[in-house]
Protein backbone atom coordinates (compact mmCIF):
# COMPACT_ATOMS: atom_id res chain seq x y z
CA MET A 1 188.22 -52.93 -15.54
CA ARG A 2 186.75 -54.31 -19.05
CA HIS A 3 183.62 -54.95 -20.71
CA ALA A 4 181.49 -58.03 -20.08
CA ALA A 5 181.67 -61.31 -22.96
CA LYS A 6 179.68 -63.57 -23.25
CA HIS A 7 182.22 -66.07 -21.77
CA ASP A 8 181.78 -64.38 -18.69
CA VAL A 9 177.97 -64.64 -18.27
CA PRO A 10 178.25 -68.04 -15.82
CA SER A 11 180.84 -66.05 -13.76
CA LEU A 12 178.64 -62.75 -13.69
CA VAL A 13 175.75 -65.01 -12.31
CA SER A 14 177.80 -66.70 -9.78
CA VAL A 15 178.96 -63.19 -8.12
CA PHE A 16 175.07 -62.22 -8.43
CA GLN A 17 174.38 -65.69 -6.56
CA ARG A 18 176.76 -64.92 -4.04
CA SER A 19 176.60 -61.44 -3.63
CA VAL A 20 173.06 -61.53 -2.42
CA HIS A 21 173.19 -65.20 -0.59
CA GLU A 22 176.06 -63.60 1.55
CA LEU A 23 176.10 -59.75 1.48
CA ALA A 24 172.34 -59.63 1.83
CA ALA A 25 171.50 -62.05 4.21
CA SER A 26 171.15 -59.22 7.26
CA HIS A 27 168.35 -57.35 5.07
CA TYR A 28 166.79 -60.80 3.36
CA SER A 29 165.42 -64.00 4.91
CA ALA A 30 167.00 -67.27 3.41
CA ALA A 31 163.87 -67.97 1.71
CA GLN A 32 163.84 -64.37 0.12
CA ARG A 33 167.17 -64.69 -1.07
CA ALA A 34 166.96 -67.83 -2.76
CA ALA A 35 163.93 -66.76 -4.62
CA TRP A 36 165.31 -63.79 -5.34
CA ALA A 37 168.84 -65.58 -6.60
CA PRO A 38 168.03 -69.20 -7.52
CA GLN A 39 170.82 -71.46 -7.35
CA ASP A 40 169.61 -73.26 -10.32
CA ALA A 41 170.66 -70.30 -12.90
CA ASP A 42 168.61 -70.44 -16.55
CA LEU A 43 171.63 -69.21 -17.95
CA ALA A 44 169.90 -68.36 -21.45
CA HIS A 45 167.86 -66.31 -19.88
CA TRP A 46 170.81 -64.32 -18.22
CA GLN A 47 172.77 -64.21 -21.38
CA GLU A 48 169.66 -62.27 -22.88
CA ARG A 49 169.24 -60.37 -19.79
CA PHE A 50 173.26 -59.41 -20.39
CA ASP A 51 172.76 -58.82 -23.77
CA ALA A 52 170.52 -56.08 -23.46
CA LEU A 53 172.76 -54.07 -21.28
CA THR A 54 175.95 -52.56 -20.92
CA THR A 55 178.02 -54.45 -18.47
CA LEU A 56 181.60 -53.34 -16.87
CA LEU A 57 183.23 -55.94 -14.61
CA ALA A 58 186.32 -55.60 -12.41
CA ALA A 59 188.72 -58.17 -12.12
CA GLN A 60 191.62 -59.95 -10.01
CA GLY A 61 193.63 -61.94 -12.37
CA ALA A 62 190.81 -64.54 -13.64
CA GLU A 63 188.47 -64.05 -10.53
CA ILE A 64 185.31 -61.76 -11.07
CA ALA A 65 185.52 -59.04 -8.18
CA GLY A 66 182.23 -57.19 -9.64
CA PHE A 67 180.19 -56.10 -11.86
CA ILE A 68 177.89 -53.40 -12.99
CA ALA A 69 175.26 -53.28 -15.63
CA TYR A 70 173.20 -50.51 -17.59
CA THR A 71 170.58 -49.09 -19.85
CA PRO A 72 171.65 -46.58 -22.12
CA GLN A 73 169.41 -44.29 -20.54
CA GLY A 74 171.10 -44.50 -17.23
CA TYR A 75 169.01 -47.23 -15.52
CA ILE A 76 171.42 -49.04 -12.89
CA ASP A 77 170.19 -52.73 -13.30
CA MET A 78 172.74 -54.33 -11.30
CA LEU A 79 175.59 -53.66 -9.72
CA PHE A 80 176.79 -56.30 -7.19
CA THR A 81 180.63 -57.63 -6.13
CA ALA A 82 182.15 -61.24 -4.67
CA PRO A 83 181.82 -61.43 -1.17
CA ARG A 84 185.28 -61.73 -0.85
CA PHE A 85 185.67 -58.26 -2.78
CA ALA A 86 182.99 -56.49 -0.41
CA ARG A 87 183.87 -52.67 0.71
CA ARG A 88 186.87 -52.42 -0.92
CA GLY A 89 186.24 -49.94 -3.64
CA ILE A 90 185.27 -52.34 -6.17
CA ALA A 91 181.37 -51.08 -6.42
CA SER A 92 182.78 -47.58 -6.19
CA LEU A 93 185.31 -47.85 -8.84
CA LEU A 94 182.27 -49.57 -11.13
CA PHE A 95 179.61 -47.03 -10.24
CA THR A 96 181.94 -44.09 -11.43
CA GLN A 97 183.21 -45.99 -14.88
CA ALA A 98 179.61 -46.58 -15.65
CA ARG A 99 178.24 -42.80 -14.42
CA SER A 100 181.22 -41.10 -16.45
CA ALA A 101 180.15 -43.34 -19.98
CA LEU A 102 176.54 -42.29 -19.38
CA GLN A 103 177.01 -38.58 -18.90
CA ALA A 104 179.50 -38.68 -21.81
CA ARG A 105 176.54 -39.96 -23.73
CA GLY A 106 174.65 -37.10 -22.55
CA VAL A 107 172.55 -38.89 -19.76
CA ASP A 108 172.09 -36.47 -17.25
CA GLN A 109 169.97 -38.78 -14.81
CA LEU A 110 170.66 -42.26 -13.56
CA THR A 111 167.69 -44.40 -11.76
CA THR A 112 168.00 -47.87 -10.08
CA HIS A 113 165.77 -50.16 -7.98
CA ALA A 114 168.04 -50.81 -5.33
CA SER A 115 167.83 -53.56 -2.68
CA LEU A 116 168.07 -52.68 0.95
CA SER A 117 171.25 -53.84 1.50
CA ALA A 118 172.04 -51.26 -1.64
CA GLN A 119 170.35 -48.18 -0.70
CA ALA A 120 173.44 -46.55 2.00
CA PHE A 121 175.63 -47.35 -1.26
CA PHE A 122 173.31 -45.53 -3.68
CA LEU A 123 172.64 -42.57 -0.87
CA GLY A 124 176.31 -42.00 -0.38
CA GLN A 125 176.59 -41.39 -4.48
CA GLY A 126 174.08 -39.08 -4.31
CA PHE A 127 170.83 -40.47 -5.00
CA GLU A 128 167.64 -39.95 -3.74
CA TYR A 129 164.21 -41.68 -3.02
CA VAL A 130 161.65 -41.64 -5.33
CA HIS A 131 159.43 -44.33 -4.02
CA HIS A 132 159.84 -47.86 -1.58
CA GLU A 133 158.02 -50.48 -2.87
CA VAL A 134 157.44 -54.20 -2.36
CA VAL A 135 158.24 -56.49 -5.63
CA GLU A 136 157.25 -60.72 -5.62
CA ARG A 137 160.20 -62.90 -6.61
CA HIS A 138 158.90 -66.85 -6.52
CA GLY A 139 156.41 -66.08 -3.94
CA GLU A 140 158.62 -64.20 -1.62
CA ARG A 141 157.94 -60.38 -1.03
CA LEU A 142 161.20 -58.30 -1.38
CA ALA A 143 161.55 -54.52 -0.19
CA ARG A 144 163.85 -52.27 -2.72
CA ALA A 145 163.43 -48.25 -3.34
CA LEU A 146 163.41 -46.84 -6.35
CA MET A 147 166.14 -44.27 -6.14
CA ARG A 148 167.44 -41.63 -8.62
CA CYS A 149 170.49 -39.08 -9.10
CA PRO A 150 170.97 -36.21 -11.33
CA ILE A 151 174.51 -37.05 -13.07
CA SER A 152 175.74 -33.59 -12.00
CA ILE A 153 175.37 -34.10 -8.31
CA GLY A 154 177.11 -37.67 -8.31
CA ALA A 155 179.90 -36.71 -10.64
CA GLY A 156 181.75 -35.26 -7.94
CA VAL A 157 181.20 -37.79 -5.16
């Protein structure tokens, strides 16, 4: 596990795209997934987004297995695994590292906007629902939930 570097951005975007298109297929239509994770990614936009976040990645050799990106205030902006590494503990490992780093900074609560595909994972980490919502991306409506977790509750998971 390591912090992401600028040269990792194309690979991180690829993990995001593959994760959305393959792992979210049971919760979102093809049109919704295409709107959420367009194949023609604007890498300059993604670089700006990652520049504003702390991003940890897990790799096997040169291949990125997954990543988590979060703010210093405890907002988990992204947590994605490459499809071939799904359900192997990568997301849990990344989440545990991020939670520990945030707790060490004095953050006492984590928040995230979880997709339908990710809600079970976050519930398993001690998160609770704040509210459900629908957002629009490129003309498609996507359901998600705002979730939160006091760090002290999630710390023992």
